[in-house]
C-alpha cells in the first residue's frame, strides 16, 4: 500500500511523505504506482522550475517533500498535487491511504 502523510501547520501543508508500493500489479506494470509517481514528479518539477529554493525534495526509499517557501504558486501546485492524489485514493482504496497530521 502507498502511504501518504500530509503534515500541516496553520492549515498549510509543510511536508509530504510518500512510502510503500501499491501492489495493484507486478512491479513495473503497476498503474497506481505509476500514477502517483507521475503526479508527484510533475508537480515537484514544476515547483523547482519556478523556484529552486521553495522545496526540499528527496527520493530515497520513498518521496519526501518539505515546503520551505510558501507562496501562492507553490501552495497552489502542492494543493493541486494533493487533490489529484485524493482522487486516486478514492479509486484505489486498497492501494493508497492518505493521512493528515495537524500540528498545534
C-alpha atoms as a PDB file:
ATOM      1  CA  UNK A   1       0.000   0.000   0.000  1.00  0.00           C
ATOM      2  CA  UNK A   2       1.171   3.533  -0.761  1.00  0.00           C
ATOM      3  CA  UNK A   3       1.066   5.667   2.377  1.00  0.00           C
ATOM      4  CA  UNK A   4       0.951   9.425   2.013  1.00  0.00           C
ATOM      5  CA  UNK A   5       1.380  11.577   5.109  1.00  0.00           C
ATOM      6  CA  UNK A   6       0.470  15.253   4.780  1.00  0.00           C
ATOM      7  CA  UNK A   7       1.866  17.375   7.605  1.00  0.00           C
ATOM      8  CA  UNK A   8       0.129  20.694   8.186  1.00  0.00           C
ATOM      9  CA  UNK A   9       0.999  23.820  10.109  1.00  0.00           C
ATOM     10  CA  UNK A  10      -1.567  26.627  10.318  1.00  0.00           C
ATOM     11  CA  UNK A  11      -3.753  24.779   7.774  1.00  0.00           C
ATOM     12  CA  UNK A  12      -0.963  24.846   5.174  1.00  0.00           C
ATOM     13  CA  UNK A  13       0.916  21.735   4.058  1.00  0.00           C
ATOM     14  CA  UNK A  14       4.500  21.882   5.310  1.00  0.00           C
ATOM     15  CA  UNK A  15       5.664  18.440   4.199  1.00  0.00           C
ATOM     16  CA  UNK A  16       4.590  15.323   2.351  1.00  0.00           C
ATOM     17  CA  UNK A  17       5.994  11.850   2.944  1.00  0.00           C
ATOM     18  CA  UNK A  18       5.167   9.089   0.448  1.00  0.00           C
ATOM     19  CA  UNK A  19       6.210   5.498   1.114  1.00  0.00           C
ATOM     20  CA  UNK A  20       5.309   1.985   0.055  1.00  0.00           C
ATOM     21  CA  UNK A  21       4.149   0.253  -3.083  1.00  0.00           C
ATOM     22  CA  UNK A  22       0.569  -0.017  -4.321  1.00  0.00           C
ATOM     23  CA  UNK A  23       0.739  -3.741  -5.109  1.00  0.00           C
ATOM     24  CA  UNK A  24      -2.020  -3.228  -7.672  1.00  0.00           C
ATOM     25  CA  UNK A  25       0.034  -5.158 -10.228  1.00  0.00           C
ATOM     26  CA  UNK A  26       3.565  -6.534 -10.566  1.00  0.00           C
ATOM     27  CA  UNK A  27       6.481  -4.142 -10.232  1.00  0.00           C
ATOM     28  CA  UNK A  28       6.946  -2.200 -13.451  1.00  0.00           C
ATOM     29  CA  UNK A  29       3.324  -2.663 -14.545  1.00  0.00           C
ATOM     30  CA  UNK A  30       1.566  -1.065 -11.582  1.00  0.00           C
ATOM     31  CA  UNK A  31      -0.627   1.772 -12.891  1.00  0.00           C
ATOM     32  CA  UNK A  32      -1.324   3.058  -9.375  1.00  0.00           C
ATOM     33  CA  UNK A  33       2.370   3.467  -8.549  1.00  0.00           C
ATOM     34  CA  UNK A  34       2.984   4.994 -11.962  1.00  0.00           C
ATOM     35  CA  UNK A  35       0.131   7.452 -11.434  1.00  0.00           C
ATOM     36  CA  UNK A  36       1.361   8.549  -8.022  1.00  0.00           C
ATOM     37  CA  UNK A  37       4.911   8.929  -9.315  1.00  0.00           C
ATOM     38  CA  UNK A  38       3.759  10.898 -12.336  1.00  0.00           C
ATOM     39  CA  UNK A  39       1.596  13.277 -10.312  1.00  0.00           C
ATOM     40  CA  UNK A  40       4.287  13.891  -7.701  1.00  0.00           C
ATOM     41  CA  UNK A  41       7.295  14.197 -10.017  1.00  0.00           C
ATOM     42  CA  UNK A  42       5.445  16.501 -12.423  1.00  0.00           C
ATOM     43  CA  UNK A  43       4.378  18.745  -9.541  1.00  0.00           C
ATOM     44  CA  UNK A  44       7.848  18.786  -7.971  1.00  0.00           C
ATOM     45  CA  UNK A  45       9.491  19.587 -11.314  1.00  0.00           C
ATOM     46  CA  UNK A  46       7.061  22.469 -11.927  1.00  0.00           C
ATOM     47  CA  UNK A  47       7.763  23.933  -8.497  1.00  0.00           C
ATOM     48  CA  UNK A  48      11.537  23.594  -8.896  1.00  0.00           C
ATOM     49  CA  UNK A  49      11.414  25.264 -12.328  1.00  0.00           C
ATOM     50  CA  UNK A  50       9.661  28.245 -10.758  1.00  0.00           C
ATOM     51  CA  UNK A  51      11.714  28.497  -7.566  1.00  0.00           C
ATOM     52  CA  UNK A  52      14.502  26.024  -6.783  1.00  0.00           C
ATOM     53  CA  UNK A  53      14.634  27.136  -3.150  1.00  0.00           C
ATOM     54  CA  UNK A  54      10.922  26.719  -2.408  1.00  0.00           C
ATOM     55  CA  UNK A  55      11.046  22.989  -1.606  1.00  0.00           C
ATOM     56  CA  UNK A  56      13.440  20.343  -0.373  1.00  0.00           C
ATOM     57  CA  UNK A  57      12.869  17.075  -2.225  1.00  0.00           C
ATOM     58  CA  UNK A  58      14.293  13.612  -1.565  1.00  0.00           C
ATOM     59  CA  UNK A  59      13.603  10.420  -3.495  1.00  0.00           C
ATOM     60  CA  UNK A  60      15.201   7.694  -1.363  1.00  0.00           C
ATOM     61  CA  UNK A  61      13.095   4.783  -0.060  1.00  0.00           C
ATOM     62  CA  UNK A  62      10.046   6.882  -0.841  1.00  0.00           C
ATOM     63  CA  UNK A  63       9.491  10.523  -1.629  1.00  0.00           C
ATOM     64  CA  UNK A  64       9.794  13.326   0.892  1.00  0.00           C
ATOM     65  CA  UNK A  65       8.861  16.923   0.100  1.00  0.00           C
ATOM     66  CA  UNK A  66       9.345  19.797   2.515  1.00  0.00           C
ATOM     67  CA  UNK A  67       7.888  23.173   1.568  1.00  0.00           C
ATOM     68  CA  UNK A  68      10.424  25.838   2.502  1.00  0.00           C
ATOM     69  CA  UNK A  69       8.900  28.914   0.883  1.00  0.00           C
ATOM     70  CA  UNK A  70       5.146  29.245   0.869  1.00  0.00           C
ATOM     71  CA  UNK A  71       3.694  31.483  -1.802  1.00  0.00           C
ATOM     72  CA  UNK A  72       0.565  31.447  -3.932  1.00  0.00           C
ATOM     73  CA  UNK A  73       2.079  29.484  -6.834  1.00  0.00           C
ATOM     74  CA  UNK A  74       3.897  26.864  -4.740  1.00  0.00           C
ATOM     75  CA  UNK A  75       0.907  26.311  -2.458  1.00  0.00           C
ATOM     76  CA  UNK A  76      -1.440  26.069  -5.452  1.00  0.00           C
ATOM     77  CA  UNK A  77       0.757  23.445  -7.131  1.00  0.00           C
ATOM     78  CA  UNK A  78       1.016  21.471  -3.873  1.00  0.00           C
ATOM     79  CA  UNK A  79      -2.760  21.689  -3.340  1.00  0.00           C
ATOM     80  CA  UNK A  80      -3.352  20.526  -6.912  1.00  0.00           C
ATOM     81  CA  UNK A  81      -0.997  17.578  -6.431  1.00  0.00           C
ATOM     82  CA  UNK A  82      -2.735  16.585  -3.198  1.00  0.00           C
ATOM     83  CA  UNK A  83      -6.155  16.905  -4.836  1.00  0.00           C
ATOM     84  CA  UNK A  84      -5.073  14.521  -7.606  1.00  0.00           C
ATOM     85  CA  UNK A  85      -3.710  12.070  -5.034  1.00  0.00           C
ATOM     86  CA  UNK A  86      -7.038  12.141  -3.163  1.00  0.00           C
ATOM     87  CA  UNK A  87      -8.819  11.306  -6.434  1.00  0.00           C
ATOM     88  CA  UNK A  88      -6.550   8.285  -6.872  1.00  0.00           C
ATOM     89  CA  UNK A  89      -7.204   7.248  -3.284  1.00  0.00           C
ATOM     90  CA  UNK A  90     -10.958   7.260  -3.993  1.00  0.00           C
ATOM     91  CA  UNK A  91     -10.470   4.945  -6.983  1.00  0.00           C
ATOM     92  CA  UNK A  92      -7.871   2.656  -5.395  1.00  0.00           C
ATOM     93  CA  UNK A  93      -8.794   2.449  -1.701  1.00  0.00           C
ATOM     94  CA  UNK A  94      -6.940  -0.842  -1.292  1.00  0.00           C
ATOM     95  CA  UNK A  95      -3.733   0.639  -2.696  1.00  0.00           C
ATOM     96  CA  UNK A  96      -3.433   4.196  -1.354  1.00  0.00           C
ATOM     97  CA  UNK A  97      -4.056   5.767   2.030  1.00  0.00           C
ATOM     98  CA  UNK A  98      -3.650   9.460   2.821  1.00  0.00           C
ATOM     99  CA  UNK A  99      -3.276  10.703   6.388  1.00  0.00           C
ATOM    100  CA  UNK A 100      -3.294  14.289   7.571  1.00  0.00           C
ATOM    101  CA  UNK A 101      -1.300  15.391  10.595  1.00  0.00           C
ATOM    102  CA  UNK A 102      -2.086  18.829  12.015  1.00  0.00           C
ATOM    103  CA  UNK A 103       0.324  20.392  14.478  1.00  0.00           C
ATOM    104  CA  UNK A 104      -0.621  22.918  17.120  1.00  0.00           C
END
